[in-house]
Amino acid sequence: MKPFEEIVNFIAESAGMEKLAAFKPSRAAEQRVLLLLAKQQDGSLTPKEAEELQLFVQLDHVMSLAKARSRNSFTAA
């Protein structure tokens, strides 16, 4: 198992399906991502902001995988 998968499994098992399904980023976080995406689109994104945006994308991917893993574990039980 890859370290990435270990983290996904840990989140899925620790939080549980209900908490993961209910999780949603704060309005402030959503606004920040929208700002970074707009800056990326108009070419004004700084290298530091690009790293921040990439981190948001990676974390969103981890949460999506954890949610899917949690749902799959629940339906398999």
N, C-alpha and C. Protein backbone atom coordinates (compact mmCIF):
# COMPACT_ATOMS: atom_id res chain seq x y z
N MET A 1 0.84 -1.18 0.00
CA MET A 1 0.00 0.00 0.00
C MET A 1 0.89 1.24 0.00
N LYS A 2 0.53 2.19 -0.84
CA LYS A 2 1.28 3.43 -0.94
C LYS A 2 0.92 4.35 0.23
N PRO A 3 1.87 5.20 0.64
CA PRO A 3 1.58 6.14 1.74
C PRO A 3 0.32 6.97 1.51
N PHE A 4 0.11 7.39 0.28
CA PHE A 4 -1.07 8.17 -0.06
C PHE A 4 -2.34 7.39 0.28
N GLU A 5 -2.36 6.11 -0.07
CA GLU A 5 -3.51 5.26 0.21
C GLU A 5 -3.71 5.06 1.71
N GLU A 6 -2.61 4.99 2.46
CA GLU A 6 -2.71 4.86 3.91
C GLU A 6 -3.42 6.07 4.51
N ILE A 7 -3.11 7.24 4.01
CA ILE A 7 -3.74 8.46 4.52
C ILE A 7 -5.23 8.46 4.17
N VAL A 8 -5.55 8.09 2.95
CA VAL A 8 -6.95 8.03 2.53
C VAL A 8 -7.71 7.04 3.42
N ASN A 9 -7.14 5.87 3.63
CA ASN A 9 -7.80 4.86 4.48
C ASN A 9 -7.97 5.37 5.91
N PHE A 10 -6.96 6.03 6.43
CA PHE A 10 -7.04 6.55 7.79
C PHE A 10 -8.19 7.55 7.91
N ILE A 11 -8.28 8.46 6.97
CA ILE A 11 -9.36 9.46 7.01
C ILE A 11 -10.71 8.77 6.89
N ALA A 12 -10.83 7.85 5.95
CA ALA A 12 -12.11 7.15 5.74
C ALA A 12 -12.54 6.38 6.98
N GLU A 13 -11.60 5.70 7.61
CA GLU A 13 -11.93 4.89 8.78
C GLU A 13 -12.15 5.74 10.03
N SER A 14 -11.38 6.79 10.18
CA SER A 14 -11.46 7.62 11.39
C SER A 14 -12.71 8.50 11.40
N ALA A 15 -13.00 9.10 10.29
CA ALA A 15 -14.12 10.05 10.25
C ALA A 15 -15.46 9.34 10.12
N GLY A 16 -15.49 8.27 9.38
CA GLY A 16 -16.75 7.58 9.15
C GLY A 16 -17.53 8.21 8.01
N MET A 17 -18.45 7.43 7.47
CA MET A 17 -19.17 7.82 6.27
C MET A 17 -20.02 9.07 6.48
N GLU A 18 -20.71 9.18 7.60
CA GLU A 18 -21.60 10.33 7.82
C GLU A 18 -20.82 11.64 7.90
N LYS A 19 -19.73 11.65 8.66
CA LYS A 19 -18.93 12.88 8.78
C LYS A 19 -18.29 13.25 7.45
N LEU A 20 -17.78 12.26 6.74
CA LEU A 20 -17.16 12.55 5.45
C LEU A 20 -18.18 13.07 4.45
N ALA A 21 -19.36 12.48 4.44
CA ALA A 21 -20.39 12.92 3.51
C ALA A 21 -20.82 14.35 3.82
N ALA A 22 -20.81 14.71 5.09
CA ALA A 22 -21.24 16.05 5.51
C ALA A 22 -20.15 17.10 5.35
N PHE A 23 -18.90 16.67 5.22
CA PHE A 23 -17.80 17.65 5.17
C PHE A 23 -17.90 18.51 3.92
N LYS A 24 -17.74 19.79 4.14
CA LYS A 24 -17.70 20.75 3.05
C LYS A 24 -16.74 21.86 3.46
N PRO A 25 -15.87 22.29 2.56
CA PRO A 25 -14.96 23.38 2.91
C PRO A 25 -15.75 24.63 3.31
N SER A 26 -15.13 25.45 4.13
CA SER A 26 -15.77 26.69 4.56
C SER A 26 -15.97 27.61 3.36
N ARG A 27 -16.84 28.57 3.56
CA ARG A 27 -17.08 29.56 2.51
C ARG A 27 -15.79 30.33 2.20
N ALA A 28 -15.02 30.62 3.24
CA ALA A 28 -13.75 31.34 3.04
C ALA A 28 -12.79 30.51 2.18
N ALA A 29 -12.72 29.22 2.43
CA ALA A 29 -11.85 28.35 1.63
C ALA A 29 -12.32 28.29 0.19
N GLU A 30 -13.63 28.16 0.00
CA GLU A 30 -14.18 28.13 -1.36
C GLU A 30 -13.87 29.43 -2.10
N GLN A 31 -14.03 30.56 -1.41
CA GLN A 31 -13.74 31.86 -2.03
C GLN A 31 -12.26 31.98 -2.40
N ARG A 32 -11.40 31.47 -1.54
CA ARG A 32 -9.96 31.53 -1.83
C ARG A 32 -9.63 30.71 -3.08
N VAL A 33 -10.20 29.53 -3.19
CA VAL A 33 -9.95 28.70 -4.36
C VAL A 33 -10.46 29.40 -5.62
N LEU A 34 -11.64 29.99 -5.55
CA LEU A 34 -12.19 30.71 -6.71
C LEU A 34 -11.28 31.87 -7.11
N LEU A 35 -10.75 32.59 -6.13
CA LEU A 35 -9.82 33.68 -6.42
C LEU A 35 -8.56 33.16 -7.10
N LEU A 36 -8.00 32.08 -6.55
CA LEU A 36 -6.79 31.51 -7.14
C LEU A 36 -7.04 31.01 -8.55
N LEU A 37 -8.19 30.39 -8.78
CA LEU A 37 -8.52 29.92 -10.13
C LEU A 37 -8.66 31.08 -11.11
N ALA A 38 -9.28 32.17 -10.65
CA ALA A 38 -9.42 33.35 -11.51
C ALA A 38 -8.05 33.93 -11.85
N LYS A 39 -7.18 34.00 -10.83
CA LYS A 39 -5.84 34.52 -11.07
C LYS A 39 -5.05 33.61 -12.02
N GLN A 40 -5.27 32.30 -11.89
CA GLN A 40 -4.60 31.36 -12.79
C GLN A 40 -5.07 31.60 -14.23
N GLN A 41 -6.37 31.79 -14.36
CA GLN A 41 -6.94 31.98 -15.70
C GLN A 41 -6.46 33.27 -16.36
N ASP A 42 -6.30 34.34 -15.55
CA ASP A 42 -5.86 35.60 -16.17
C ASP A 42 -4.34 35.77 -16.17
N GLY A 43 -3.63 34.76 -15.69
CA GLY A 43 -2.17 34.79 -15.76
C GLY A 43 -1.48 35.57 -14.66
N SER A 44 -2.19 35.92 -13.60
CA SER A 44 -1.57 36.72 -12.54
C SER A 44 -1.24 35.90 -11.28
N LEU A 45 -1.33 34.61 -11.37
CA LEU A 45 -1.05 33.73 -10.22
C LEU A 45 0.45 33.71 -9.93
N THR A 46 0.81 33.99 -8.69
CA THR A 46 2.23 33.95 -8.30
C THR A 46 2.65 32.50 -8.07
N PRO A 47 3.94 32.22 -8.05
CA PRO A 47 4.39 30.85 -7.76
C PRO A 47 3.88 30.34 -6.40
N LYS A 48 3.88 31.20 -5.40
CA LYS A 48 3.38 30.79 -4.08
C LYS A 48 1.89 30.46 -4.14
N GLU A 49 1.13 31.27 -4.86
CA GLU A 49 -0.30 31.01 -5.02
C GLU A 49 -0.54 29.73 -5.83
N ALA A 50 0.32 29.46 -6.80
CA ALA A 50 0.20 28.23 -7.58
C ALA A 50 0.40 27.01 -6.68
N GLU A 51 1.35 27.10 -5.77
CA GLU A 51 1.57 26.01 -4.81
C GLU A 51 0.35 25.84 -3.91
N GLU A 52 -0.21 26.95 -3.46
CA GLU A 52 -1.40 26.89 -2.61
C GLU A 52 -2.57 26.24 -3.36
N LEU A 53 -2.76 26.63 -4.61
CA LEU A 53 -3.84 26.06 -5.41
C LEU A 53 -3.62 24.57 -5.63
N GLN A 54 -2.39 24.18 -5.90
CA GLN A 54 -2.07 22.77 -6.09
C GLN A 54 -2.37 21.97 -4.82
N LEU A 55 -2.07 22.54 -3.67
CA LEU A 55 -2.36 21.88 -2.40
C LEU A 55 -3.86 21.69 -2.22
N PHE A 56 -4.65 22.72 -2.53
CA PHE A 56 -6.10 22.59 -2.47
C PHE A 56 -6.58 21.45 -3.36
N VAL A 57 -6.04 21.38 -4.56
CA VAL A 57 -6.43 20.32 -5.50
C VAL A 57 -6.08 18.95 -4.93
N GLN A 58 -4.90 18.81 -4.38
CA GLN A 58 -4.49 17.52 -3.80
C GLN A 58 -5.36 17.14 -2.61
N LEU A 59 -5.65 18.10 -1.74
CA LEU A 59 -6.49 17.81 -0.58
C LEU A 59 -7.91 17.45 -0.99
N ASP A 60 -8.42 18.12 -2.01
CA ASP A 60 -9.74 17.79 -2.52
C ASP A 60 -9.76 16.36 -3.05
N HIS A 61 -8.70 15.98 -3.72
CA HIS A 61 -8.58 14.61 -4.25
C HIS A 61 -8.55 13.59 -3.10
N VAL A 62 -7.79 13.88 -2.07
CA VAL A 62 -7.72 12.98 -0.91
C VAL A 62 -9.10 12.82 -0.27
N MET A 63 -9.80 13.94 -0.09
CA MET A 63 -11.12 13.86 0.52
C MET A 63 -12.10 13.10 -0.37
N SER A 64 -12.03 13.29 -1.66
CA SER A 64 -12.91 12.55 -2.58
C SER A 64 -12.64 11.05 -2.50
N LEU A 65 -11.37 10.69 -2.46
CA LEU A 65 -11.03 9.27 -2.34
C LEU A 65 -11.48 8.70 -1.01
N ALA A 66 -11.30 9.47 0.07
CA ALA A 66 -11.72 9.00 1.40
C ALA A 66 -13.23 8.81 1.44
N LYS A 67 -13.98 9.74 0.85
CA LYS A 67 -15.43 9.61 0.80
C LYS A 67 -15.83 8.36 0.03
N ALA A 68 -15.20 8.13 -1.10
CA ALA A 68 -15.51 6.95 -1.90
C ALA A 68 -15.13 5.67 -1.16
N ARG A 69 -13.99 5.68 -0.53
CA ARG A 69 -13.55 4.50 0.23
C ARG A 69 -14.52 4.21 1.36
N SER A 70 -14.96 5.25 2.03
CA SER A 70 -15.90 5.09 3.14
C SER A 70 -17.23 4.53 2.64
N ARG A 71 -17.72 5.04 1.53
CA ARG A 71 -18.99 4.53 0.96
C ARG A 71 -18.83 3.07 0.55
N ASN A 72 -17.70 2.74 -0.08
CA ASN A 72 -17.47 1.37 -0.51
C ASN A 72 -17.38 0.42 0.68
N SER A 73 -16.74 0.86 1.74
CA SER A 73 -16.64 0.02 2.94
C SER A 73 -17.99 -0.21 3.56
N PHE A 74 -18.85 0.82 3.53
CA PHE A 74 -20.18 0.71 4.12
C PHE A 74 -21.04 -0.25 3.30
N THR A 75 -20.98 -0.14 1.97
CA THR A 75 -21.82 -0.99 1.13
C THR A 75 -21.31 -2.43 1.10
N ALA A 76 -20.02 -2.61 1.35
CA ALA A 76 -19.44 -3.97 1.35
C ALA A 76 -19.74 -4.70 2.66
N ALA A 77 -20.07 -3.96 3.71
CA ALA A 77 -20.31 -4.58 5.03
C ALA A 77 -21.67 -5.24 5.09
